[in-house]
C-alpha cells in the first residue's frame, strides 16, 4: 500500500513550538487524513506479519532539509491514522525508514506500508 499525504504541519515536528491544543488539533487532522487515505486504498493488514513504513519526504522548494530523526517524529499522527485504518496497534510498525525525495511545490509525504 502506498499513500500520499501533505507535508506535516510545523507544530507536529519534535522541535515545533506552540500551544498544546493547537498541536492536538493538527495531530487529529493529520490522523484523519492518513486514515482516509489508507481506507481509500482498501488496504488490509496481513495476518501474522510485521509491518514496516517506508516514508519518503518531498520537501518544499526552499529551506533546509530536515534531519531524519525529526522527520520520523513528525509523522506520528500519520502512523496512528494508518494503524487505525488497518485495525492494528501502531507499535507493530516499528521504526519508520525515512528517505528524502525530490523537492516539490507544496511538499508531500509518500508512505509505503510493507509486510515482512
N, C-alpha and C. Protein backbone atom coordinates (compact mmCIF):
# COMPACT_ATOMS: atom_id res chain seq x y z
N UNK A 1 0.86 -1.17 0.00
CA UNK A 1 0.00 0.00 0.00
C UNK A 1 0.90 1.23 0.00
N UNK A 2 0.56 2.18 -0.85
CA UNK A 2 1.32 3.42 -0.96
C UNK A 2 0.34 4.58 -0.94
N UNK A 3 0.54 5.51 0.00
CA UNK A 3 -0.36 6.67 0.09
C UNK A 3 0.46 7.96 0.10
N UNK A 4 -0.16 8.99 -0.42
CA UNK A 4 0.47 10.31 -0.50
C UNK A 4 -0.29 11.27 0.40
N UNK A 5 0.44 11.97 1.26
CA UNK A 5 -0.17 12.87 2.23
C UNK A 5 0.53 14.22 2.23
N UNK A 6 -0.12 15.26 2.74
CA UNK A 6 0.52 16.59 2.81
C UNK A 6 1.72 16.58 3.75
N UNK A 7 2.62 17.52 3.51
CA UNK A 7 3.78 17.69 4.38
C UNK A 7 3.29 17.99 5.79
N UNK A 8 3.85 17.37 6.83
CA UNK A 8 3.36 17.59 8.20
C UNK A 8 3.47 19.05 8.64
N UNK A 9 2.49 19.50 9.38
CA UNK A 9 2.47 20.87 9.90
C UNK A 9 3.67 21.10 10.81
N UNK A 10 4.14 22.31 10.84
CA UNK A 10 5.32 22.66 11.62
C UNK A 10 5.16 22.33 13.10
N UNK A 11 3.97 22.48 13.62
CA UNK A 11 3.73 22.23 15.05
C UNK A 11 3.88 20.76 15.41
N UNK A 12 3.78 19.85 14.44
CA UNK A 12 3.89 18.42 14.72
C UNK A 12 5.33 17.92 14.75
N UNK A 13 6.26 18.76 14.34
CA UNK A 13 7.66 18.35 14.36
C UNK A 13 8.16 18.35 15.80
N UNK A 14 9.09 17.48 16.15
CA UNK A 14 9.57 17.41 17.54
C UNK A 14 10.08 18.74 18.08
N UNK A 15 10.65 19.58 17.26
CA UNK A 15 11.14 20.88 17.72
C UNK A 15 10.10 21.98 17.54
N UNK A 16 8.91 21.63 17.11
CA UNK A 16 7.85 22.61 16.90
C UNK A 16 7.38 23.20 18.22
N UNK A 17 7.08 24.46 18.19
CA UNK A 17 6.61 25.14 19.39
C UNK A 17 5.19 25.63 19.16
N UNK A 18 4.43 25.66 20.19
CA UNK A 18 3.07 26.16 20.08
C UNK A 18 2.23 25.62 21.22
N UNK A 19 1.04 26.12 21.30
CA UNK A 19 0.12 25.72 22.36
C UNK A 19 -0.27 24.26 22.16
N UNK A 20 -0.40 23.53 23.25
CA UNK A 20 -0.69 22.09 23.17
C UNK A 20 -2.02 21.80 22.49
N UNK A 21 -2.98 22.71 22.57
CA UNK A 21 -4.27 22.46 21.91
C UNK A 21 -4.16 22.64 20.39
N UNK A 22 -3.30 23.55 19.95
CA UNK A 22 -3.06 23.68 18.51
C UNK A 22 -2.40 22.40 17.98
N UNK A 23 -1.47 21.86 18.76
CA UNK A 23 -0.79 20.63 18.35
C UNK A 23 -1.79 19.48 18.32
N UNK A 24 -2.67 19.40 19.32
CA UNK A 24 -3.68 18.36 19.37
C UNK A 24 -4.61 18.43 18.15
N UNK A 25 -5.04 19.64 17.80
CA UNK A 25 -5.93 19.81 16.65
C UNK A 25 -5.23 19.40 15.36
N UNK A 26 -3.98 19.81 15.20
CA UNK A 26 -3.23 19.44 13.99
C UNK A 26 -3.02 17.93 13.92
N UNK A 27 -2.70 17.31 15.05
CA UNK A 27 -2.50 15.86 15.06
C UNK A 27 -3.79 15.12 14.71
N UNK A 28 -4.90 15.59 15.22
CA UNK A 28 -6.20 14.97 14.92
C UNK A 28 -6.52 15.08 13.43
N UNK A 29 -6.25 16.24 12.85
CA UNK A 29 -6.49 16.45 11.42
C UNK A 29 -5.61 15.53 10.58
N UNK A 30 -4.32 15.47 10.89
CA UNK A 30 -3.39 14.64 10.13
C UNK A 30 -3.72 13.15 10.28
N UNK A 31 -4.14 12.76 11.46
CA UNK A 31 -4.53 11.37 11.69
C UNK A 31 -5.73 11.01 10.81
N UNK A 32 -6.69 11.92 10.72
CA UNK A 32 -7.86 11.70 9.87
C UNK A 32 -7.50 11.60 8.40
N UNK A 33 -6.58 12.45 7.95
CA UNK A 33 -6.14 12.38 6.55
C UNK A 33 -5.50 11.03 6.24
N UNK A 34 -4.64 10.57 7.15
CA UNK A 34 -3.96 9.28 6.94
C UNK A 34 -4.95 8.13 6.93
N UNK A 35 -5.92 8.18 7.84
CA UNK A 35 -6.93 7.11 7.89
C UNK A 35 -7.75 7.09 6.60
N UNK A 36 -8.17 8.26 6.15
CA UNK A 36 -8.98 8.34 4.93
C UNK A 36 -8.19 7.84 3.72
N UNK A 37 -6.92 8.21 3.63
CA UNK A 37 -6.09 7.77 2.51
C UNK A 37 -5.88 6.26 2.54
N UNK A 38 -5.66 5.69 3.72
CA UNK A 38 -5.47 4.25 3.83
C UNK A 38 -6.77 3.50 3.52
N UNK A 39 -7.89 4.03 3.97
CA UNK A 39 -9.17 3.40 3.66
C UNK A 39 -9.49 3.48 2.17
N UNK A 40 -9.09 4.57 1.52
CA UNK A 40 -9.32 4.71 0.09
C UNK A 40 -8.53 3.66 -0.70
N UNK A 41 -7.41 3.22 -0.14
CA UNK A 41 -6.60 2.18 -0.79
C UNK A 41 -7.18 0.79 -0.54
N UNK A 42 -8.20 0.72 0.31
CA UNK A 42 -8.82 -0.55 0.69
C UNK A 42 -7.79 -1.56 1.18
N UNK A 43 -6.86 -1.05 1.96
CA UNK A 43 -5.76 -1.88 2.46
C UNK A 43 -6.22 -2.71 3.66
N UNK A 44 -5.59 -3.85 3.79
CA UNK A 44 -5.83 -4.71 4.95
C UNK A 44 -4.48 -5.16 5.48
N UNK A 45 -4.39 -5.28 6.77
CA UNK A 45 -3.14 -5.73 7.39
C UNK A 45 -2.96 -7.23 7.15
N UNK A 46 -1.79 -7.65 6.71
CA UNK A 46 -1.55 -9.09 6.53
C UNK A 46 -1.52 -9.79 7.89
N UNK A 47 -2.03 -10.99 7.93
CA UNK A 47 -2.11 -11.75 9.18
C UNK A 47 -0.72 -12.27 9.58
N UNK A 48 -0.39 -12.07 10.83
CA UNK A 48 0.82 -12.65 11.40
C UNK A 48 2.13 -12.10 10.87
N UNK A 49 2.12 -11.00 10.17
CA UNK A 49 3.35 -10.42 9.65
C UNK A 49 3.56 -9.05 10.28
N UNK A 50 4.82 -8.71 10.46
CA UNK A 50 5.12 -7.38 10.96
C UNK A 50 5.02 -6.39 9.80
N UNK A 51 4.72 -5.16 10.12
CA UNK A 51 4.57 -4.12 9.11
C UNK A 51 5.68 -3.08 9.27
N UNK A 52 6.14 -2.58 8.17
CA UNK A 52 7.17 -1.55 8.17
C UNK A 52 6.71 -0.38 7.32
N UNK A 53 7.10 0.81 7.72
CA UNK A 53 6.78 2.01 6.96
C UNK A 53 8.04 2.53 6.28
N UNK A 54 7.91 2.78 4.99
CA UNK A 54 8.98 3.45 4.24
C UNK A 54 8.41 4.81 3.87
N UNK A 55 8.99 5.86 4.44
CA UNK A 55 8.46 7.21 4.32
C UNK A 55 9.41 8.06 3.49
N UNK A 56 8.89 8.62 2.40
CA UNK A 56 9.69 9.50 1.55
C UNK A 56 9.17 10.91 1.69
N UNK A 57 10.02 11.80 2.17
CA UNK A 57 9.68 13.21 2.31
C UNK A 57 10.09 13.95 1.05
N UNK A 58 9.14 14.66 0.47
CA UNK A 58 9.41 15.56 -0.65
C UNK A 58 9.23 16.97 -0.09
N UNK A 59 10.35 17.59 0.25
CA UNK A 59 10.31 18.88 0.95
C UNK A 59 9.93 20.01 0.02
N UNK A 60 9.57 21.13 0.64
CA UNK A 60 9.21 22.33 -0.10
C UNK A 60 10.44 22.87 -0.84
N UNK A 61 10.24 23.72 -1.88
CA UNK A 61 11.36 24.15 -2.72
C UNK A 61 12.47 24.91 -2.00
N UNK A 62 12.14 25.62 -0.93
CA UNK A 62 13.18 26.38 -0.25
C UNK A 62 13.32 25.93 1.19
N UNK A 63 14.41 26.29 1.79
CA UNK A 63 14.65 25.93 3.18
C UNK A 63 15.52 24.69 3.30
N UNK A 64 16.02 24.48 4.51
CA UNK A 64 16.90 23.33 4.72
C UNK A 64 16.12 22.01 4.76
N UNK A 65 16.82 20.93 4.47
CA UNK A 65 16.22 19.61 4.61
C UNK A 65 16.19 19.25 6.09
N UNK A 66 15.12 18.66 6.57
CA UNK A 66 15.07 18.25 7.98
C UNK A 66 15.97 17.04 8.20
N UNK A 67 16.36 16.81 9.44
CA UNK A 67 17.12 15.59 9.71
C UNK A 67 16.17 14.41 9.84
N UNK A 68 16.72 13.20 9.73
CA UNK A 68 15.88 12.00 9.69
C UNK A 68 15.13 11.77 11.01
N UNK A 69 15.76 12.07 12.14
CA UNK A 69 15.09 11.84 13.42
C UNK A 69 13.84 12.71 13.55
N UNK A 70 13.96 13.98 13.24
CA UNK A 70 12.81 14.87 13.34
C UNK A 70 11.75 14.52 12.30
N UNK A 71 12.18 14.15 11.11
CA UNK A 71 11.22 13.77 10.08
C UNK A 71 10.42 12.54 10.52
N UNK A 72 11.10 11.57 11.10
CA UNK A 72 10.40 10.37 11.60
C UNK A 72 9.43 10.69 12.72
N UNK A 73 9.78 11.64 13.57
CA UNK A 73 8.91 12.04 14.66
C UNK A 73 7.70 12.83 14.21
N UNK A 74 7.83 13.52 13.08
CA UNK A 74 6.74 14.38 12.61
C UNK A 74 5.57 13.60 12.03
N UNK A 75 5.76 12.32 11.73
CA UNK A 75 4.70 11.54 11.10
C UNK A 75 3.94 10.65 12.07
N UNK A 76 4.09 10.89 13.37
CA UNK A 76 3.41 10.07 14.37
C UNK A 76 1.89 10.06 14.15
N UNK A 77 1.31 11.21 13.85
CA UNK A 77 -0.14 11.25 13.61
C UNK A 77 -0.51 10.44 12.36
N UNK A 78 0.35 10.48 11.35
CA UNK A 78 0.10 9.67 10.15
C UNK A 78 0.17 8.18 10.48
N UNK A 79 1.14 7.78 11.30
CA UNK A 79 1.23 6.38 11.71
C UNK A 79 -0.04 5.95 12.45
N UNK A 80 -0.51 6.80 13.34
CA UNK A 80 -1.72 6.48 14.10
C UNK A 80 -2.92 6.30 13.17
N UNK A 81 -3.06 7.19 12.19
CA UNK A 81 -4.19 7.11 11.26
C UNK A 81 -4.14 5.87 10.39
N UNK A 82 -2.95 5.50 9.94
CA UNK A 82 -2.81 4.29 9.11
C UNK A 82 -3.11 3.06 9.95
N UNK A 83 -2.59 3.02 11.16
CA UNK A 83 -2.86 1.88 12.05
C UNK A 83 -4.35 1.76 12.34
N UNK A 84 -5.01 2.89 12.55
CA UNK A 84 -6.44 2.90 12.80
C UNK A 84 -7.20 2.31 11.61
N UNK A 85 -6.82 2.72 10.41
CA UNK A 85 -7.49 2.21 9.20
C UNK A 85 -7.26 0.71 9.01
N UNK A 86 -6.06 0.23 9.37
CA UNK A 86 -5.74 -1.18 9.20
C UNK A 86 -6.26 -2.04 10.35
N UNK A 87 -6.66 -1.39 11.44
CA UNK A 87 -7.16 -2.13 12.58
C UNK A 87 -6.07 -2.80 13.39
N UNK A 88 -4.88 -2.19 13.42
CA UNK A 88 -3.76 -2.73 14.20
C UNK A 88 -3.26 -1.65 15.15
N UNK A 89 -2.43 -2.07 16.10
CA UNK A 89 -1.78 -1.12 17.00
C UNK A 89 -0.54 -0.58 16.29
N UNK A 90 -0.27 0.72 16.42
CA UNK A 90 0.85 1.30 15.68
C UNK A 90 2.21 0.82 16.18
N UNK A 91 2.25 0.10 17.29
CA UNK A 91 3.53 -0.45 17.74
C UNK A 91 4.02 -1.56 16.82
N UNK A 92 3.15 -2.10 15.98
CA UNK A 92 3.53 -3.14 15.02
C UNK A 92 4.37 -2.59 13.88
N UNK A 93 4.41 -1.27 13.72
CA UNK A 93 5.16 -0.68 12.62
C UNK A 93 6.66 -0.63 12.87
N UNK A 94 7.07 -0.48 14.10
CA UNK A 94 8.50 -0.32 14.37
C UNK A 94 8.97 1.06 13.92
N UNK A 95 10.27 1.22 13.82
CA UNK A 95 10.86 2.50 13.43
C UNK A 95 10.70 2.68 11.92
N UNK A 96 10.16 3.82 11.46
CA UNK A 96 10.00 4.01 10.02
C UNK A 96 11.34 4.26 9.33
N UNK A 97 11.43 3.82 8.08
CA UNK A 97 12.59 4.10 7.25
C UNK A 97 12.31 5.44 6.58
N UNK A 98 13.17 6.42 6.83
CA UNK A 98 12.94 7.78 6.33
C UNK A 98 13.89 8.04 5.16
N UNK A 99 13.30 8.45 4.04
CA UNK A 99 14.07 8.80 2.84
C UNK A 99 13.68 10.21 2.41
N UNK A 100 14.51 10.82 1.61
CA UNK A 100 14.21 12.16 1.08
C UNK A 100 14.21 12.09 -0.44
N UNK A 101 13.10 12.55 -1.04
CA UNK A 101 12.97 12.57 -2.49
C UNK A 101 13.18 13.98 -3.01
N UNK A 102 12.79 14.18 -4.25
CA UNK A 102 12.91 15.50 -4.87
C UNK A 102 11.99 16.50 -4.17
N UNK A 103 12.39 17.74 -4.24
CA UNK A 103 11.55 18.80 -3.68
C UNK A 103 10.36 19.02 -4.62
N UNK A 104 9.24 19.44 -4.05
CA UNK A 104 8.06 19.77 -4.86
C UNK A 104 7.42 21.04 -4.31
N UNK A 105 6.49 21.60 -5.03
CA UNK A 105 5.97 22.94 -4.72
C UNK A 105 5.46 23.08 -3.29
N UNK A 106 4.59 22.21 -2.83
CA UNK A 106 3.99 22.36 -1.50
C UNK A 106 4.54 21.36 -0.49
N UNK A 107 5.36 20.45 -0.93
CA UNK A 107 5.86 19.41 -0.06
C UNK A 107 4.82 18.31 0.10
N UNK A 108 5.28 17.10 0.27
CA UNK A 108 4.38 15.96 0.47
C UNK A 108 5.15 14.82 1.12
N UNK A 109 4.42 13.86 1.61
CA UNK A 109 4.99 12.68 2.22
C UNK A 109 4.34 11.48 1.55
N UNK A 110 5.17 10.56 1.08
CA UNK A 110 4.67 9.32 0.49
C UNK A 110 5.02 8.20 1.46
N UNK A 111 4.00 7.51 1.95
CA UNK A 111 4.19 6.45 2.92
C UNK A 111 3.82 5.12 2.27
N UNK A 112 4.77 4.19 2.34
CA UNK A 112 4.53 2.84 1.81
C UNK A 112 4.53 1.87 2.98
N UNK A 113 3.48 1.11 3.10
CA UNK A 113 3.37 0.09 4.15
C UNK A 113 3.74 -1.23 3.52
N UNK A 114 4.80 -1.85 4.05
CA UNK A 114 5.26 -3.13 3.51
C UNK A 114 5.24 -4.17 4.61
N UNK A 115 4.92 -5.40 4.24
CA UNK A 115 4.88 -6.51 5.19
C UNK A 115 6.22 -7.23 5.19
N UNK A 116 6.54 -7.79 6.33
CA UNK A 116 7.76 -8.60 6.39
C UNK A 116 8.66 -8.23 7.41
